Amino acid sequence: MEDNRFIITINRECGTGGHDIATQLGKMLGLKVYDRAILDSLAEKFNISVEELEAIKARNTRWWDDFCNFYRQFGGASDHIEQAKRITPKQLYHAEAKILRELAAQESCVIIGRSGFHIFKDDPSAFKIFLIAKEDKRVERMMAKYSIDQTEALRRIKEVDKTRENFTETFAGVSRYDARNYDLVLNVGNIPAEPIAAFLADLVRRRFSLKNAYPQRQIPI
């Protein structure tokens, strides 16, 4: 375990490019970046697919309880379904949180999403970031990234943001839009990922006195 261990959590609105920023930040600081890998670990633990785990997260507790009650009454179609239906969103949240804490206890890292800001809310070694942008900028980015039209881009943004907020409110008991949950809320607009990551890397170095631990990078203009 590192004596000077620290954690960077990055939560973001859909369409801000937060994943790219976090990846760049990890490279600049020489840190591992954890995101979907967490779900892969859970999928192995519960013996179901990553897609099924994502579907569980997308449902509210009431819907999932109703789903389970239905299968208890009429029986599942297979052992695989029986395994999946026993997993509640609450179990998923706590299992995910446990994995993240175990990872962060071993080494410094960057955690994307997964309600990281709340899981590490009382950890003094955590630097919690929330990335936002105006809706039109997010729509533009989604259109360019996925080659979709404006209507579809907006639909995806609203669906993803709603799903993330519902999950966070249900199990963390807070809104991820509450700025008080973070050390920094940054409006990234359509600024490229690299200069934003370089700016954040400098803040992290200053926050954790890492000036001599990692090479400085010039912020690109």
Protein backbone atom coordinates (compact mmCIF):
# COMPACT_ATOMS: atom_id res chain seq x y z
CA MET A 1 0.00 0.00 0.00
CA GLU A 2 1.23 3.48 -0.81
CA ASP A 3 1.99 5.73 2.14
CA ASN A 4 1.01 8.77 0.07
CA ARG A 5 -1.97 7.15 -1.60
CA PHE A 6 -4.59 9.43 -3.14
CA ILE A 7 -7.77 9.00 -5.15
CA ILE A 8 -9.23 11.13 -7.93
CA THR A 9 -12.93 10.62 -8.58
CA ILE A 10 -14.43 12.01 -11.75
CA ASN A 11 -18.16 12.20 -12.22
CA ARG A 12 -19.61 13.90 -15.25
CA GLU A 13 -22.64 14.85 -17.25
CA CYS A 14 -23.18 12.76 -20.35
CA GLY A 15 -21.50 14.31 -23.38
CA THR A 16 -18.78 16.23 -21.54
CA GLY A 17 -16.00 13.92 -22.65
CA GLY A 18 -15.29 13.04 -19.05
CA HIS A 19 -13.99 9.57 -19.85
CA ASP A 20 -11.40 10.93 -22.27
CA ILE A 21 -10.35 13.59 -19.75
CA ALA A 22 -9.98 11.02 -16.98
CA THR A 23 -7.94 8.72 -19.24
CA GLN A 24 -5.61 11.56 -20.18
CA LEU A 25 -5.29 12.57 -16.53
CA GLY A 26 -4.35 9.05 -15.55
CA LYS A 27 -1.62 8.98 -18.19
CA MET A 28 -0.22 12.34 -17.09
CA LEU A 29 0.00 11.26 -13.46
CA GLY A 30 0.99 7.66 -14.11
CA LEU A 31 -2.16 6.29 -12.47
CA LYS A 32 -4.50 3.42 -13.24
CA VAL A 33 -7.96 4.45 -14.35
CA TYR A 34 -10.93 2.36 -13.23
CA ASP A 35 -14.33 2.44 -14.94
CA ARG A 36 -15.98 -0.46 -16.75
CA ALA A 37 -13.38 -2.79 -15.28
CA ILE A 38 -15.34 -2.55 -12.04
CA LEU A 39 -18.44 -3.92 -13.75
CA ASP A 40 -16.38 -6.71 -15.28
CA SER A 41 -15.31 -7.74 -11.77
CA LEU A 42 -18.91 -7.70 -10.59
CA ALA A 43 -20.07 -9.67 -13.61
CA GLU A 44 -17.58 -12.39 -12.71
CA LYS A 45 -18.63 -12.27 -9.05
CA PHE A 46 -22.35 -12.66 -9.82
CA ASN A 47 -21.92 -14.83 -12.92
CA ILE A 48 -23.98 -12.61 -15.21
CA SER A 49 -23.12 -10.36 -18.13
CA VAL A 50 -21.96 -6.76 -17.90
CA GLU A 51 -25.01 -5.78 -19.93
CA GLU A 52 -27.31 -7.38 -17.36
CA LEU A 53 -25.52 -5.53 -14.56
CA GLU A 54 -25.94 -2.26 -16.43
CA ALA A 55 -29.62 -3.05 -16.87
CA ILE A 56 -29.96 -3.59 -13.11
CA LYS A 57 -28.41 -0.18 -12.47
CA ALA A 58 -30.79 1.43 -14.95
CA ARG A 59 -33.85 0.25 -13.03
CA ASN A 60 -35.21 1.78 -9.89
CA THR A 61 -35.58 -0.39 -6.81
CA ARG A 62 -39.34 -0.66 -7.07
CA TRP A 63 -39.19 -1.89 -10.67
CA TRP A 64 -36.59 -4.52 -9.79
CA ASP A 65 -38.55 -5.78 -6.80
CA ASP A 66 -41.64 -6.13 -9.00
CA PHE A 67 -39.55 -8.01 -11.55
CA CYS A 68 -38.27 -10.42 -8.90
CA ASN A 69 -41.77 -10.97 -7.51
CA PHE A 70 -42.97 -11.86 -10.99
CA TYR A 71 -40.31 -14.54 -11.38
CA ARG A 72 -40.90 -15.88 -7.88
CA GLN A 73 -44.53 -16.41 -8.84
CA PHE A 74 -44.08 -17.86 -12.32
CA GLY A 75 -40.55 -19.25 -12.22
CA GLY A 76 -37.46 -18.26 -14.17
CA ALA A 77 -36.65 -19.52 -17.63
CA SER A 78 -33.15 -20.67 -16.67
CA ASP A 79 -30.59 -20.84 -13.88
CA HIS A 80 -28.93 -17.84 -15.49
CA ILE A 81 -32.08 -15.74 -15.08
CA GLU A 82 -32.52 -17.05 -11.55
CA GLN A 83 -29.00 -15.84 -10.72
CA ALA A 84 -29.60 -12.41 -12.27
CA LYS A 85 -32.93 -11.85 -10.61
CA ARG A 86 -31.47 -12.38 -7.14
CA ILE A 87 -29.17 -9.39 -7.53
CA THR A 88 -30.74 -6.18 -6.34
CA PRO A 89 -29.48 -2.70 -7.26
CA LYS A 90 -28.58 -2.22 -3.59
CA GLN A 91 -26.36 -5.31 -3.64
CA LEU A 92 -24.76 -4.07 -6.83
CA TYR A 93 -24.02 -0.65 -5.34
CA HIS A 94 -22.40 -2.07 -2.21
CA ALA A 95 -20.42 -4.68 -4.14
CA GLU A 96 -19.14 -2.00 -6.49
CA ALA A 97 -18.24 0.27 -3.56
CA LYS A 98 -16.36 -2.58 -1.85
CA ILE A 99 -14.29 -3.27 -4.96
CA LEU A 100 -13.45 0.42 -5.36
CA ARG A 101 -12.36 0.77 -1.74
CA GLU A 102 -10.15 -2.30 -2.04
CA LEU A 103 -8.52 -0.95 -5.19
CA ALA A 104 -8.00 2.52 -3.73
CA ALA A 105 -6.52 1.08 -0.54
CA GLN A 106 -3.72 -0.49 -2.54
CA GLU A 107 -2.61 2.34 -4.81
CA SER A 108 -3.40 5.81 -6.09
CA CYS A 109 -5.89 5.78 -8.94
CA VAL A 110 -8.51 7.61 -10.99
CA ILE A 111 -12.10 6.42 -10.65
CA ILE A 112 -14.63 7.35 -13.33
CA GLY A 113 -18.25 7.51 -12.25
CA ARG A 114 -19.55 4.66 -10.03
CA SER A 115 -20.70 7.25 -7.43
CA GLY A 116 -17.04 7.59 -6.46
CA PHE A 117 -17.59 11.05 -5.00
CA HIS A 118 -19.90 9.54 -2.38
CA ILE A 119 -18.01 6.32 -1.73
CA PHE A 120 -14.92 8.37 -0.81
CA LYS A 121 -16.74 11.37 0.68
CA ASP A 122 -14.99 11.02 4.06
CA ASP A 123 -11.57 10.09 2.68
CA PRO A 124 -9.11 13.00 3.06
CA SER A 125 -6.97 11.51 0.31
CA ALA A 126 -9.77 11.87 -2.27
CA PHE A 127 -9.99 14.72 -4.77
CA LYS A 128 -13.53 14.74 -6.12
CA ILE A 129 -14.31 16.34 -9.51
CA PHE A 130 -17.57 16.92 -11.39
CA LEU A 131 -17.48 17.87 -15.07
CA ILE A 132 -20.37 19.77 -16.64
CA ALA A 133 -21.11 21.59 -19.90
CA LYS A 134 -24.00 23.40 -21.52
CA GLU A 135 -26.50 21.11 -23.18
CA ASP A 136 -25.84 22.38 -26.70
CA LYS A 137 -22.12 21.65 -26.36
CA ARG A 138 -22.83 18.15 -25.09
CA VAL A 139 -25.24 17.51 -27.96
CA GLU A 140 -22.62 18.66 -30.47
CA ARG A 141 -20.06 16.33 -28.99
CA MET A 142 -22.40 13.33 -28.97
CA MET A 143 -23.39 13.98 -32.58
CA ALA A 144 -19.77 14.07 -33.67
CA LYS A 145 -18.65 11.09 -31.60
CA TYR A 146 -21.48 8.71 -32.51
CA SER A 147 -22.54 10.10 -35.92
CA ILE A 148 -26.12 10.64 -34.77
CA ASP A 149 -28.56 13.49 -35.28
CA GLN A 150 -29.45 16.18 -32.75
CA THR A 151 -32.66 14.49 -31.60
CA GLU A 152 -30.95 11.19 -30.87
CA ALA A 153 -28.01 12.88 -29.17
CA LEU A 154 -30.32 14.79 -26.85
CA ARG A 155 -32.34 11.66 -26.12
CA ARG A 156 -29.21 9.72 -25.11
CA ILE A 157 -27.95 12.53 -22.92
CA LYS A 158 -31.21 12.84 -21.02
CA GLU A 159 -31.55 9.08 -20.61
CA VAL A 160 -28.00 8.56 -19.32
CA ASP A 161 -28.10 11.57 -16.98
CA LYS A 162 -31.46 10.48 -15.58
CA THR A 163 -30.26 6.91 -15.00
CA ARG A 164 -27.11 8.06 -13.22
CA GLU A 165 -29.01 10.52 -11.05
CA ASN A 166 -31.70 7.99 -10.08
CA PHE A 167 -29.10 5.42 -9.11
CA THR A 168 -27.10 7.93 -7.06
CA GLU A 169 -30.13 9.36 -5.27
CA THR A 170 -31.45 5.89 -4.45
CA PHE A 171 -28.29 4.40 -2.97
CA ALA A 172 -26.07 7.34 -2.03
CA GLY A 173 -29.00 9.43 -0.80
CA VAL A 174 -27.66 12.57 -2.47
CA SER A 175 -27.87 14.33 -5.82
CA ARG A 176 -24.78 14.15 -7.97
CA TYR A 177 -25.61 17.69 -9.13
CA ASP A 178 -25.05 19.11 -5.63
CA ALA A 179 -21.76 21.01 -5.95
CA ARG A 180 -21.09 20.51 -2.23
CA ASN A 181 -20.26 16.87 -2.97
CA TYR A 182 -17.10 17.86 -4.84
CA ASP A 183 -13.80 19.63 -4.43
CA LEU A 184 -14.11 21.03 -7.94
CA VAL A 185 -16.96 21.52 -10.41
CA LEU A 186 -15.59 22.40 -13.85
CA ASN A 187 -17.48 23.58 -16.92
CA VAL A 188 -15.48 22.01 -19.74
CA GLY A 189 -17.58 23.30 -22.66
CA ASN A 190 -15.98 21.98 -25.83
CA ILE A 191 -12.38 22.41 -24.67
CA PRO A 192 -10.24 19.44 -25.80
CA ALA A 193 -9.53 16.71 -23.26
CA GLU A 194 -5.76 17.16 -23.08
CA PRO A 195 -5.58 20.78 -21.83
CA ILE A 196 -8.31 20.08 -19.28
CA ALA A 197 -6.47 16.98 -18.08
CA ALA A 198 -3.21 18.97 -17.86
CA PHE A 199 -4.96 21.62 -15.76
CA LEU A 200 -6.39 18.97 -13.44
CA ALA A 201 -3.04 17.20 -13.19
CA ASP A 202 -1.45 20.43 -11.98
CA LEU A 203 -4.18 20.87 -9.36
CA VAL A 204 -3.69 17.31 -8.14
CA ARG A 205 0.06 17.79 -7.86
CA ARG A 206 -0.47 20.91 -5.78
CA ARG A 207 -3.20 19.33 -3.65
CA PHE A 208 -1.11 16.30 -2.72
CA SER A 209 2.34 17.92 -2.89
CA LEU A 210 3.37 15.79 -5.85
CA LYS A 211 5.49 18.40 -7.59
CA ASN A 212 8.61 16.28 -7.38
CA ALA A 213 6.86 12.94 -7.70
CA TYR A 214 5.58 13.30 -11.27
CA PRO A 215 6.95 15.14 -14.28
CA GLN A 216 5.34 18.49 -14.99
CA ARG A 217 3.67 18.92 -18.37
CA GLN A 218 3.21 22.15 -20.20
CA ILE A 219 -0.47 22.89 -20.69
CA PRO A 220 -1.06 23.02 -24.47
CA ILE A 221 -2.46 26.26 -25.84
